[in-house]
Amino acid sequence: MRFLILTAIVICRVSAQEPPNLNQANLPSHPVGANDLLGVAVYGSPELTRTVRVGPDGFIRLPMLKTKIKAEGMLPVDLESAISDALKSEQILVDPFVTVTMAEYHSRPISVAGAVKKPITFQAIGPVTLLEALARAEGLRDDAAREILVSKSQTGPNAKTMTLTQRILVKGLIDAADPSLNLSLTGGEEIRVPEAGKIYVVGNVKKPGAFPVQDSAETTVYQALALAEGVLPYAMKQAYIYRREGNGSKNEIPIQLELIMKRKAPDVPLIANDILYIPDNKGRRLTMSTLDKILMIGGGAAASALVYTSIR
């Protein structure tokens, strides 16, 4: 009976000396950044044990310490030594035992935006690859372009901040599974997936709308009509391509639609943002203001709404 009582006393004493549990996750060790949340435990000193957030200036402040401690850029193990030295130098503790754990990262964001199914920003906790980041955004949309832009700001010569951008081809990353293109992300990256260019088919067709084009050299009038499910009855023999030139001017290009459909004239290539207009037998034409509305609103709904707005 006496032995059991002594054992219980020893257990209680040992438990009383254990560092308090901060109930925080000990995340993988990366250099500490501004706004990160840290768990600081000082053995035998519960008044010094707490969670503390790194300030925007990169410093932390602990109770009873007169000076702030630089945390940004340090690993948790190095910060433990810095806190211990500060406690000793200010004669608060003789031989402190300090542990620092990462509770929350807020300084390592990765953002994925653009033509993805679910734009997202998350913290890089542990190694993250480009494919994993795209998977968090639930993948690419159908109208995504065939390249991905990965940008990150870095400090260059003379302490100047530079933004470096890498262009990753979707064909190589996903279709060919090239491991060299599956970049390793460490936080601070901005991933942007541009939308593919669109061509607009309006007028006397079955399904007017805006259709993404991945390669302008492979998109022609005949293919655009296939996307629009063909022409309706009473279509004019002549159609028009409305194109905005590089200098900002707008150009109307007449094409012999009937001859193209009958394979008696060469097919005509289209480029992104072209508007292919198929008039009916009333010979209506699109005005430039109508063209601007189509390009401004965009999409199949806009094209459908503007089918009947053309005037003579």
C-alpha atoms as a PDB file:
ATOM      1  CA  MET A   1       0.000   0.000   0.000  1.00  0.00           C
ATOM      2  CA  ARG A   2       2.859   2.372   0.892  1.00  0.00           C
ATOM      3  CA  PHE A   3       4.588   1.528  -2.408  1.00  0.00           C
ATOM      4  CA  LEU A   4       1.464   2.459  -4.417  1.00  0.00           C
ATOM      5  CA  ILE A   5       1.170   5.811  -2.624  1.00  0.00           C
ATOM      6  CA  LEU A   6       4.836   6.652  -3.280  1.00  0.00           C
ATOM      7  CA  THR A   7       4.457   5.695  -6.957  1.00  0.00           C
ATOM      8  CA  ALA A   8       1.434   7.954  -7.298  1.00  0.00           C
ATOM      9  CA  ILE A   9       3.358  10.841  -5.722  1.00  0.00           C
ATOM     10  CA  VAL A  10       6.296  10.357  -8.130  1.00  0.00           C
ATOM     11  CA  ILE A  11       3.957  10.269 -11.144  1.00  0.00           C
ATOM     12  CA  CYS A  12       2.228  13.450 -10.022  1.00  0.00           C
ATOM     13  CA  ARG A  13       5.540  15.229  -9.551  1.00  0.00           C
ATOM     14  CA  VAL A  14       6.825  14.180 -12.959  1.00  0.00           C
ATOM     15  CA  SER A  15       3.574  15.222 -14.626  1.00  0.00           C
ATOM     16  CA  ALA A  16       3.704  18.582 -12.942  1.00  0.00           C
ATOM     17  CA  GLN A  17       7.094  19.267 -14.522  1.00  0.00           C
ATOM     18  CA  GLU A  18       6.021  18.448 -18.084  1.00  0.00           C
ATOM     19  CA  PRO A  19       5.768  21.421 -20.472  1.00  0.00           C
ATOM     20  CA  PRO A  20       2.178  22.547 -20.987  1.00  0.00           C
ATOM     21  CA  ASN A  21       0.484  21.258 -24.109  1.00  0.00           C
ATOM     22  CA  LEU A  22      -0.311  24.140 -26.459  1.00  0.00           C
ATOM     23  CA  ASN A  23      -2.754  22.003 -28.459  1.00  0.00           C
ATOM     24  CA  GLN A  24      -1.163  23.265 -31.661  1.00  0.00           C
ATOM     25  CA  ALA A  25       0.036  21.306 -34.653  1.00  0.00           C
ATOM     26  CA  ASN A  26       3.789  20.972 -35.036  1.00  0.00           C
ATOM     27  CA  LEU A  27       3.989  21.702 -38.758  1.00  0.00           C
ATOM     28  CA  PRO A  28       7.029  20.977 -40.937  1.00  0.00           C
ATOM     29  CA  SER A  29       9.923  23.281 -40.159  1.00  0.00           C
ATOM     30  CA  HIS A  30      10.308  26.123 -42.627  1.00  0.00           C
ATOM     31  CA  PRO A  31      11.788  29.568 -42.039  1.00  0.00           C
ATOM     32  CA  VAL A  32       9.415  31.672 -39.983  1.00  0.00           C
ATOM     33  CA  GLY A  33       7.641  34.501 -41.802  1.00  0.00           C
ATOM     34  CA  ALA A  34       5.568  37.542 -40.950  1.00  0.00           C
ATOM     35  CA  ASN A  35       2.093  36.737 -39.545  1.00  0.00           C
ATOM     36  CA  ASP A  36       2.964  33.095 -38.816  1.00  0.00           C
ATOM     37  CA  LEU A  37       1.563  31.709 -35.563  1.00  0.00           C
ATOM     38  CA  LEU A  38       4.111  30.089 -33.247  1.00  0.00           C
ATOM     39  CA  GLY A  39       3.750  27.935 -30.170  1.00  0.00           C
ATOM     40  CA  VAL A  40       6.395  28.910 -27.574  1.00  0.00           C
ATOM     41  CA  ALA A  41       6.851  26.644 -24.529  1.00  0.00           C
ATOM     42  CA  VAL A  42       9.292  27.455 -21.710  1.00  0.00           C
ATOM     43  CA  TYR A  43       9.866  24.460 -19.445  1.00  0.00           C
ATOM     44  CA  GLY A  44       8.735  25.135 -15.896  1.00  0.00           C
ATOM     45  CA  SER A  45       7.459  28.653 -16.725  1.00  0.00           C
ATOM     46  CA  PRO A  46       3.788  28.529 -17.708  1.00  0.00           C
ATOM     47  CA  GLU A  47       3.613  32.324 -17.574  1.00  0.00           C
ATOM     48  CA  LEU A  48       5.969  32.432 -20.579  1.00  0.00           C
ATOM     49  CA  THR A  49       4.320  29.595 -22.469  1.00  0.00           C
ATOM     50  CA  ARG A  50       1.833  30.738 -25.112  1.00  0.00           C
ATOM     51  CA  THR A  51       1.061  31.090 -28.774  1.00  0.00           C
ATOM     52  CA  VAL A  52       2.409  34.239 -30.339  1.00  0.00           C
ATOM     53  CA  ARG A  53       1.973  35.673 -33.826  1.00  0.00           C
ATOM     54  CA  VAL A  54       4.910  37.104 -35.709  1.00  0.00           C
ATOM     55  CA  GLY A  55       4.345  40.782 -36.409  1.00  0.00           C
ATOM     56  CA  PRO A  56       4.409  42.364 -39.875  1.00  0.00           C
ATOM     57  CA  ASP A  57       7.921  43.595 -39.015  1.00  0.00           C
ATOM     58  CA  GLY A  58       9.100  40.009 -38.472  1.00  0.00           C
ATOM     59  CA  PHE A  59       9.526  40.295 -34.674  1.00  0.00           C
ATOM     60  CA  ILE A  60       7.795  38.619 -31.721  1.00  0.00           C
ATOM     61  CA  ARG A  61       7.329  39.919 -28.205  1.00  0.00           C
ATOM     62  CA  LEU A  62       7.160  37.735 -25.088  1.00  0.00           C
ATOM     63  CA  PRO A  63       5.962  38.801 -21.629  1.00  0.00           C
ATOM     64  CA  MET A  64       8.662  40.037 -19.206  1.00  0.00           C
ATOM     65  CA  LEU A  65      11.119  40.575 -22.065  1.00  0.00           C
ATOM     66  CA  LYS A  66      11.983  44.217 -22.716  1.00  0.00           C
ATOM     67  CA  THR A  67      13.225  43.668 -26.245  1.00  0.00           C
ATOM     68  CA  LYS A  68      11.511  42.125 -29.226  1.00  0.00           C
ATOM     69  CA  ILE A  69      13.036  39.047 -30.828  1.00  0.00           C
ATOM     70  CA  LYS A  70      13.686  38.758 -34.551  1.00  0.00           C
ATOM     71  CA  ALA A  71      11.808  35.687 -35.853  1.00  0.00           C
ATOM     72  CA  GLU A  72      11.379  36.165 -39.592  1.00  0.00           C
ATOM     73  CA  GLY A  73      13.741  34.026 -41.654  1.00  0.00           C
ATOM     74  CA  MET A  74      14.723  31.795 -38.732  1.00  0.00           C
ATOM     75  CA  LEU A  75      14.059  28.098 -38.352  1.00  0.00           C
ATOM     76  CA  PRO A  76      12.161  27.099 -35.165  1.00  0.00           C
ATOM     77  CA  VAL A  77      15.275  25.482 -33.700  1.00  0.00           C
ATOM     78  CA  ASP A  78      17.266  28.706 -34.175  1.00  0.00           C
ATOM     79  CA  LEU A  79      14.446  30.769 -32.698  1.00  0.00           C
ATOM     80  CA  GLU A  80      14.502  28.533 -29.621  1.00  0.00           C
ATOM     81  CA  SER A  81      18.125  29.525 -29.041  1.00  0.00           C
ATOM     82  CA  ALA A  82      17.352  33.212 -29.618  1.00  0.00           C
ATOM     83  CA  ILE A  83      14.530  33.165 -27.032  1.00  0.00           C
ATOM     84  CA  SER A  84      16.679  31.259 -24.540  1.00  0.00           C
ATOM     85  CA  ASP A  85      19.521  33.757 -24.935  1.00  0.00           C
ATOM     86  CA  ALA A  86      17.129  36.682 -24.434  1.00  0.00           C
ATOM     87  CA  LEU A  87      15.721  35.173 -21.239  1.00  0.00           C
ATOM     88  CA  LYS A  88      19.221  34.656 -19.876  1.00  0.00           C
ATOM     89  CA  SER A  89      20.581  38.066 -20.924  1.00  0.00           C
ATOM     90  CA  GLU A  90      17.722  39.849 -19.168  1.00  0.00           C
ATOM     91  CA  GLN A  91      18.228  37.584 -16.112  1.00  0.00           C
ATOM     92  CA  ILE A  92      14.673  36.256 -16.175  1.00  0.00           C
ATOM     93  CA  LEU A  93      15.739  32.594 -16.135  1.00  0.00           C
ATOM     94  CA  VAL A  94      19.115  31.025 -15.415  1.00  0.00           C
ATOM     95  CA  ASP A  95      19.016  28.091 -17.813  1.00  0.00           C
ATOM     96  CA  PRO A  96      15.755  28.140 -19.779  1.00  0.00           C
ATOM     97  CA  PHE A  97      14.627  25.234 -21.918  1.00  0.00           C
ATOM     98  CA  VAL A  98      12.565  26.566 -24.841  1.00  0.00           C
ATOM     99  CA  THR A  99      10.697  24.782 -27.616  1.00  0.00           C
ATOM    100  CA  VAL A 100       9.114  26.495 -30.622  1.00  0.00           C
ATOM    101  CA  THR A 101       6.571  24.805 -32.869  1.00  0.00           C
ATOM    102  CA  MET A 102       4.816  26.039 -35.976  1.00  0.00           C
ATOM    103  CA  ALA A 103       1.084  26.377 -35.299  1.00  0.00           C
ATOM    104  CA  GLU A 104      -0.104  28.148 -38.466  1.00  0.00           C
ATOM    105  CA  TYR A 105       1.598  29.375 -41.593  1.00  0.00           C
ATOM    106  CA  HIS A 106       0.418  32.688 -42.988  1.00  0.00           C
ATOM    107  CA  SER A 107       3.571  33.759 -44.808  1.00  0.00           C
ATOM    108  CA  ARG A 108       3.696  31.037 -47.485  1.00  0.00           C
ATOM    109  CA  PRO A 109       0.603  31.575 -49.664  1.00  0.00           C
ATOM    110  CA  ILE A 110       0.143  29.926 -53.040  1.00  0.00           C
ATOM    111  CA  SER A 111      -2.659  31.326 -55.176  1.00  0.00           C
ATOM    112  CA  VAL A 112      -4.242  29.615 -58.171  1.00  0.00           C
ATOM    113  CA  ALA A 113      -6.468  31.798 -60.344  1.00  0.00           C
ATOM    114  CA  GLY A 114      -7.795  32.149 -63.859  1.00  0.00           C
ATOM    115  CA  ALA A 115      -9.363  29.385 -65.910  1.00  0.00           C
ATOM    116  CA  VAL A 116      -9.551  26.822 -63.098  1.00  0.00           C
ATOM    117  CA  LYS A 117     -12.675  25.280 -61.635  1.00  0.00           C
ATOM    118  CA  LYS A 118     -12.138  26.625 -58.117  1.00  0.00           C
ATOM    119  CA  PRO A 119      -9.705  29.529 -57.646  1.00  0.00           C
ATOM    120  CA  ILE A 120      -7.968  29.099 -54.325  1.00  0.00           C
ATOM    121  CA  THR A 121      -5.256  30.478 -52.045  1.00  0.00           C
ATOM    122  CA  PHE A 122      -3.632  28.142 -49.521  1.00  0.00           C
ATOM    123  CA  GLN A 123      -0.507  27.948 -47.391  1.00  0.00           C
ATOM    124  CA  ALA A 124       2.444  25.821 -48.476  1.00  0.00           C
ATOM    125  CA  ILE A 125       2.740  23.395 -45.585  1.00  0.00           C
ATOM    126  CA  GLY A 126       5.431  20.962 -46.622  1.00  0.00           C
ATOM    127  CA  PRO A 127       6.460  20.304 -50.240  1.00  0.00           C
ATOM    128  CA  VAL A 128       3.847  21.265 -52.847  1.00  0.00           C
ATOM    129  CA  THR A 129       4.099  20.610 -56.585  1.00  0.00           C
ATOM    130  CA  LEU A 130       2.448  22.501 -59.412  1.00  0.00           C
ATOM    131  CA  LEU A 131       0.154  19.566 -60.173  1.00  0.00           C
ATOM    132  CA  GLU A 132      -0.910  19.374 -56.525  1.00  0.00           C
ATOM    133  CA  ALA A 133      -1.725  23.098 -56.553  1.00  0.00           C
ATOM    134  CA  LEU A 134      -3.846  22.662 -59.698  1.00  0.00           C
ATOM    135  CA  ALA A 135      -5.574  19.677 -58.082  1.00  0.00           C
ATOM    136  CA  ARG A 136      -6.523  21.862 -55.098  1.00  0.00           C
ATOM    137  CA  ALA A 137      -8.155  24.200 -57.623  1.00  0.00           C
ATOM    138  CA  GLU A 138     -10.065  21.163 -58.973  1.00  0.00           C
ATOM    139  CA  GLY A 139      -8.267  21.239 -62.317  1.00  0.00           C
ATOM    140  CA  LEU A 140      -8.442  23.323 -65.470  1.00  0.00           C
ATOM    141  CA  ARG A 141     -11.633  24.541 -67.080  1.00  0.00           C
ATOM    142  CA  ASP A 142     -12.528  23.558 -70.630  1.00  0.00           C
ATOM    143  CA  ASP A 143     -11.729  27.075 -71.838  1.00  0.00           C
ATOM    144  CA  ALA A 144      -8.239  27.113 -70.314  1.00  0.00           C
ATOM    145  CA  ALA A 145      -5.348  28.126 -72.519  1.00  0.00           C
ATOM    146  CA  ARG A 146      -2.553  25.694 -73.227  1.00  0.00           C
ATOM    147  CA  GLU A 147      -0.027  27.332 -70.919  1.00  0.00           C
ATOM    148  CA  ILE A 148       0.258  28.050 -67.201  1.00  0.00           C
ATOM    149  CA  LEU A 149       2.003  31.115 -65.789  1.00  0.00           C
ATOM    150  CA  VAL A 150       3.871  30.697 -62.491  1.00  0.00           C
ATOM    151  CA  SER A 151       5.128  33.971 -60.979  1.00  0.00           C
ATOM    152  CA  LYS A 152       7.138  34.631 -57.835  1.00  0.00           C
ATOM    153  CA  SER A 153       8.743  37.769 -56.444  1.00  0.00           C
ATOM    154  CA  GLN A 154      12.409  37.547 -55.528  1.00  0.00           C
ATOM    155  CA  THR A 155      14.943  39.978 -54.131  1.00  0.00           C
ATOM    156  CA  GLY A 156      17.539  40.778 -56.756  1.00  0.00           C
ATOM    157  CA  PRO A 157      20.676  42.917 -56.818  1.00  0.00           C
ATOM    158  CA  ASN A 158      20.565  46.134 -54.794  1.00  0.00           C
ATOM    159  CA  ALA A 159      17.681  44.680 -52.747  1.00  0.00           C
ATOM    160  CA  LYS A 160      15.279  45.313 -55.616  1.00  0.00           C
ATOM    161  CA  THR A 161      12.218  43.077 -55.833  1.00  0.00           C
ATOM    162  CA  MET A 162      11.822  41.287 -59.151  1.00  0.00           C
ATOM    163  CA  THR A 163       8.970  39.118 -60.353  1.00  0.00           C
ATOM    164  CA  LEU A 164      10.028  36.059 -62.307  1.00  0.00           C
ATOM    165  CA  THR A 165       7.436  34.281 -64.455  1.00  0.00           C
ATOM    166  CA  GLN A 166       7.728  30.796 -65.917  1.00  0.00           C
ATOM    167  CA  ARG A 167       5.521  29.584 -68.749  1.00  0.00           C
ATOM    168  CA  ILE A 168       4.584  25.930 -68.422  1.00  0.00           C
ATOM    169  CA  LEU A 169       2.927  24.217 -71.384  1.00  0.00           C
ATOM    170  CA  VAL A 170      -0.079  22.131 -70.401  1.00  0.00           C
ATOM    171  CA  LYS A 171       0.776  19.608 -73.097  1.00  0.00           C
ATOM    172  CA  GLY A 172       4.147  18.913 -71.484  1.00  0.00           C
ATOM    173  CA  LEU A 173       3.003  19.045 -67.861  1.00  0.00           C
ATOM    174  CA  ILE A 174      -0.181  16.980 -68.111  1.00  0.00           C
ATOM    175  CA  ASP A 175      -0.249  15.181 -71.463  1.00  0.00           C
ATOM    176  CA  ALA A 176       3.452  14.247 -71.600  1.00  0.00           C
ATOM    177  CA  ALA A 177       3.857  14.093 -67.775  1.00  0.00           C
ATOM    178  CA  ASP A 178       7.267  15.783 -67.961  1.00  0.00           C
ATOM    179  CA  PRO A 179       8.562  15.765 -64.352  1.00  0.00           C
ATOM    180  CA  SER A 180      10.833  18.746 -65.013  1.00  0.00           C
ATOM    181  CA  LEU A 181       7.737  20.918 -65.583  1.00  0.00           C
ATOM    182  CA  ASN A 182       6.079  19.868 -62.313  1.00  0.00           C
ATOM    183  CA  LEU A 183       7.634  22.713 -60.342  1.00  0.00           C
ATOM    184  CA  SER A 184       8.254  22.469 -56.617  1.00  0.00           C
ATOM    185  CA  LEU A 185       6.466  25.335 -54.849  1.00  0.00           C
ATOM    186  CA  THR A 186       7.618  26.760 -51.534  1.00  0.00           C
ATOM    187  CA  GLY A 187       5.139  29.610 -50.999  1.00  0.00           C
ATOM    188  CA  GLY A 188       4.792  33.043 -52.509  1.00  0.00           C
ATOM    189  CA  GLU A 189       3.920  31.723 -55.976  1.00  0.00           C
ATOM    190  CA  GLU A 190       1.034  33.030 -58.049  1.00  0.00           C
ATOM    191  CA  ILE A 191      -0.307  30.515 -60.559  1.00  0.00           C
ATOM    192  CA  ARG A 192      -2.466  31.948 -63.311  1.00  0.00           C
ATOM    193  CA  VAL A 193      -4.187  29.955 -66.023  1.00  0.00           C
ATOM    194  CA  PRO A 194      -5.251  32.276 -68.862  1.00  0.00           C
ATOM    195  CA  GLU A 195      -8.448  31.699 -70.752  1.00  0.00           C
ATOM    196  CA  ALA A 196      -8.105  30.467 -74.310  1.00  0.00           C
ATOM    197  CA  GLY A 197      -8.924  32.911 -77.060  1.00  0.00           C
ATOM    198  CA  LYS A 198     -12.477  32.803 -78.395  1.00  0.00           C
ATOM    199  CA  ILE A 199     -14.138  33.141 -81.743  1.00  0.00           C
ATOM    200  CA  TYR A 200     -17.723  34.357 -81.938  1.00  0.00           C
ATOM    201  CA  VAL A 201     -20.243  32.906 -84.368  1.00  0.00           C
ATOM    202  CA  VAL A 202     -23.480  34.896 -84.662  1.00  0.00           C
ATOM    203  CA  GLY A 203     -26.306  35.349 -87.103  1.00  0.00           C
ATOM    204  CA  ASN A 204     -28.185  32.704 -89.051  1.00  0.00           C
ATOM    205  CA  VAL A 205     -26.690  29.612 -87.343  1.00  0.00           C
ATOM    206  CA  LYS A 206     -28.246  26.931 -85.145  1.00  0.00           C
ATOM    207  CA  LYS A 207     -26.116  27.551 -82.076  1.00  0.00           C
ATOM    208  CA  PRO A 208     -24.584  31.034 -81.920  1.00  0.00           C
ATOM    209  CA  GLY A 209     -21.980  31.512 -79.249  1.00  0.00           C
ATOM    210  CA  ALA A 210     -18.387  32.037 -78.228  1.00  0.00           C
ATOM    211  CA  PHE A 211     -16.089  29.072 -78.772  1.00  0.00           C
ATOM    212  CA  PRO A 212     -12.571  28.656 -77.314  1.00  0.00           C
ATOM    213  CA  VAL A 213      -9.722  28.195 -79.746  1.00  0.00           C
ATOM    214  CA  GLN A 214      -6.410  26.675 -78.710  1.00  0.00           C
ATOM    215  CA  ASP A 215      -4.573  27.048 -81.991  1.00  0.00           C
ATOM    216  CA  SER A 216      -5.657  29.778 -84.380  1.00  0.00           C
ATOM    217  CA  ALA A 217      -3.917  28.068 -87.306  1.00  0.00           C
ATOM    218  CA  GLU A 218      -6.271  25.104 -86.955  1.00  0.00           C
ATOM    219  CA  THR A 219      -9.499  27.072 -86.601  1.00  0.00           C
ATOM    220  CA  THR A 220     -11.282  27.905 -89.855  1.00  0.00           C
ATOM    221  CA  VAL A 221     -14.680  29.141 -90.990  1.00  0.00           C
ATOM    222  CA  TYR A 222     -15.819  25.604 -91.741  1.00  0.00           C
ATOM    223  CA  GLN A 223     -14.787  24.408 -88.278  1.00  0.00           C
ATOM    224  CA  ALA A 224     -16.472  27.390 -86.636  1.00  0.00           C
ATOM    225  CA  LEU A 225     -19.716  26.542 -88.435  1.00  0.00           C
ATOM    226  CA  ALA A 226     -19.394  22.972 -87.157  1.00  0.00           C
ATOM    227  CA  LEU A 227     -19.105  24.312 -83.601  1.00  0.00           C
ATOM    228  CA  ALA A 228     -22.242  26.378 -84.223  1.00  0.00           C
ATOM    229  CA  GLU A 229     -24.000  23.216 -85.520  1.00  0.00           C
ATOM    230  CA  GLY A 230     -24.369  24.563 -89.053  1.00  0.00           C
ATOM    231  CA  VAL A 231     -26.356  27.321 -90.717  1.00  0.00           C
ATOM    232  CA  LEU A 232     -30.108  27.811 -90.673  1.00  0.00           C
ATOM    233  CA  PRO A 233     -32.184  27.949 -93.873  1.00  0.00           C
ATOM    234  CA  TYR A 234     -32.102  31.110 -95.947  1.00  0.00           C
ATOM    235  CA  ALA A 235     -28.492  31.923 -95.108  1.00  0.00           C
ATOM    236  CA  MET A 236     -26.809  34.344 -97.468  1.00  0.00           C
ATOM    237  CA  LYS A 237     -24.200  33.097 -99.907  1.00  0.00           C
ATOM    238  CA  GLN A 238     -21.765  35.635 -98.448  1.00  0.00           C
ATOM    239  CA  ALA A 239     -20.677  35.954 -94.819  1.00  0.00           C
ATOM    240  CA  TYR A 240     -18.407  38.368 -92.974  1.00  0.00           C
ATOM    241  CA  ILE A 241     -15.490  38.165 -90.594  1.00  0.00           C
ATOM    242  CA  TYR A 242     -15.141  41.147 -88.265  1.00  0.00           C
ATOM    243  CA  ARG A 243     -11.600  41.507 -86.935  1.00  0.00           C
ATOM    244  CA  ARG A 244      -9.909  44.004 -84.668  1.00  0.00           C
ATOM    245  CA  GLU A 245      -6.432  44.704 -85.985  1.00  0.00           C
ATOM    246  CA  GLY A 246      -3.327  45.243 -83.891  1.00  0.00           C
ATOM    247  CA  ASN A 247      -3.537  49.015 -84.278  1.00  0.00           C
ATOM    248  CA  GLY A 248      -7.083  49.033 -82.873  1.00  0.00           C
ATOM    249  CA  SER A 249      -8.881  49.462 -86.194  1.00  0.00           C
ATOM    250  CA  LYS A 250     -11.835  47.220 -87.090  1.00  0.00           C
ATOM    251  CA  ASN A 251     -11.889  45.370 -90.361  1.00  0.00           C
ATOM    252  CA  GLU A 252     -14.745  43.687 -92.248  1.00  0.00           C
ATOM    253  CA  ILE A 253     -13.670  40.738 -94.384  1.00  0.00           C
ATOM    254  CA  PRO A 254     -16.262  39.326 -96.810  1.00  0.00           C
ATOM    255  CA  ILE A 255     -16.055  35.581 -97.522  1.00  0.00           C
ATOM    256  CA  GLN A 256     -17.830  33.387-100.052  1.00  0.00           C
ATOM    257  CA  LEU A 257     -19.687  31.169 -97.620  1.00  0.00           C
ATOM    258  CA  GLU A 258     -21.564  29.070-100.186  1.00  0.00           C
ATOM    259  CA  LEU A 259     -18.397  28.246-102.114  1.00  0.00           C
ATOM    260  CA  ILE A 260     -16.581  27.274 -98.907  1.00  0.00           C
ATOM    261  CA  MET A 261     -19.474  25.025 -97.877  1.00  0.00           C
ATOM    262  CA  LYS A 262     -19.387  23.336-101.290  1.00  0.00           C
ATOM    263  CA  ARG A 263     -15.610  22.968-101.167  1.00  0.00           C
ATOM    264  CA  LYS A 264     -15.242  25.166-104.231  1.00  0.00           C
ATOM    265  CA  ALA A 265     -13.237  27.851-102.415  1.00  0.00           C
ATOM    266  CA  PRO A 266     -10.418  27.535 -99.877  1.00  0.00           C
ATOM    267  CA  ASP A 267     -11.384  27.589 -96.226  1.00  0.00           C
ATOM    268  CA  VAL A 268     -10.563  30.799 -94.377  1.00  0.00           C
ATOM    269  CA  PRO A 269      -8.568  30.727 -91.109  1.00  0.00           C
ATOM    270  CA  LEU A 270      -9.851  32.564 -88.052  1.00  0.00           C
ATOM    271  CA  ILE A 271      -7.916  34.068 -85.171  1.00  0.00           C
ATOM    272  CA  ALA A 272      -8.877  34.729 -81.558  1.00  0.00           C
ATOM    273  CA  ASN A 273     -11.583  37.401 -81.075  1.00  0.00           C
ATOM    274  CA  ASP A 274     -12.796  37.128 -84.673  1.00  0.00           C
ATOM    275  CA  ILE A 275     -16.561  37.453 -85.143  1.00  0.00           C
ATOM    276  CA  LEU A 276     -18.008  35.288 -87.896  1.00  0.00           C
ATOM    277  CA  TYR A 277     -21.379  36.694 -88.953  1.00  0.00           C
ATOM    278  CA  ILE A 278     -23.773  34.697 -91.128  1.00  0.00           C
ATOM    279  CA  PRO A 279     -26.503  37.018 -92.485  1.00  0.00           C
ATOM    280  CA  ASP A 280     -29.959  35.796 -93.495  1.00  0.00           C
ATOM    281  CA  ASN A 281     -31.451  36.460 -96.916  1.00  0.00           C
ATOM    282  CA  LYS A 282     -32.475  39.950 -95.805  1.00  0.00           C
ATOM    283  CA  GLY A 283     -28.847  40.953 -96.088  1.00  0.00           C
ATOM    284  CA  ARG A 284     -28.467  42.461 -92.641  1.00  0.00           C
ATOM    285  CA  ARG A 285     -25.035  43.691 -91.508  1.00  0.00           C
ATOM    286  CA  LEU A 286     -23.528  44.133 -88.070  1.00  0.00           C
ATOM    287  CA  THR A 287     -22.606  47.631 -86.935  1.00  0.00           C
ATOM    288  CA  MET A 288     -19.345  48.330 -85.125  1.00  0.00           C
ATOM    289  CA  SER A 289     -21.232  49.212 -81.928  1.00  0.00           C
ATOM    290  CA  THR A 290     -22.875  45.777 -82.032  1.00  0.00           C
ATOM    291  CA  LEU A 291     -19.459  44.165 -82.484  1.00  0.00           C
ATOM    292  CA  ASP A 292     -18.127  45.989 -79.435  1.00  0.00           C
ATOM    293  CA  LYS A 293     -21.068  44.705 -77.377  1.00  0.00           C
ATOM    294  CA  ILE A 294     -20.349  41.135 -78.423  1.00  0.00           C
ATOM    295  CA  LEU A 295     -16.693  41.400 -77.490  1.00  0.00           C
ATOM    296  CA  MET A 296     -17.466  43.260 -74.243  1.00  0.00           C
ATOM    297  CA  ILE A 297     -20.169  40.858 -73.000  1.00  0.00           C
ATOM    298  CA  GLY A 298     -18.745  37.710 -74.568  1.00  0.00           C
ATOM    299  CA  GLY A 299     -20.002  34.168 -74.181  1.00  0.00           C
ATOM    300  CA  GLY A 300     -22.791  32.205 -75.787  1.00  0.00           C
ATOM    301  CA  ALA A 301     -25.556  34.130 -74.015  1.00  0.00           C
ATOM    302  CA  ALA A 302     -24.328  37.432 -75.399  1.00  0.00           C
ATOM    303  CA  ALA A 303     -23.976  36.014 -78.875  1.00  0.00           C
ATOM    304  CA  SER A 304     -27.493  34.590 -78.760  1.00  0.00           C
ATOM    305  CA  ALA A 305     -28.924  37.858 -77.507  1.00  0.00           C
ATOM    306  CA  LEU A 306     -27.238  39.795 -80.275  1.00  0.00           C
ATOM    307  CA  VAL A 307     -28.262  37.555 -83.148  1.00  0.00           C
ATOM    308  CA  TYR A 308     -31.304  39.674 -83.862  1.00  0.00           C
ATOM    309  CA  THR A 309     -29.810  43.070 -83.027  1.00  0.00           C
ATOM    310  CA  SER A 310     -28.015  43.481 -86.357  1.00  0.00           C
ATOM    311  CA  ILE A 311     -29.414  46.219 -88.550  1.00  0.00           C
ATOM    312  CA  ARG A 312     -29.371  46.895 -92.246  1.00  0.00           C
END
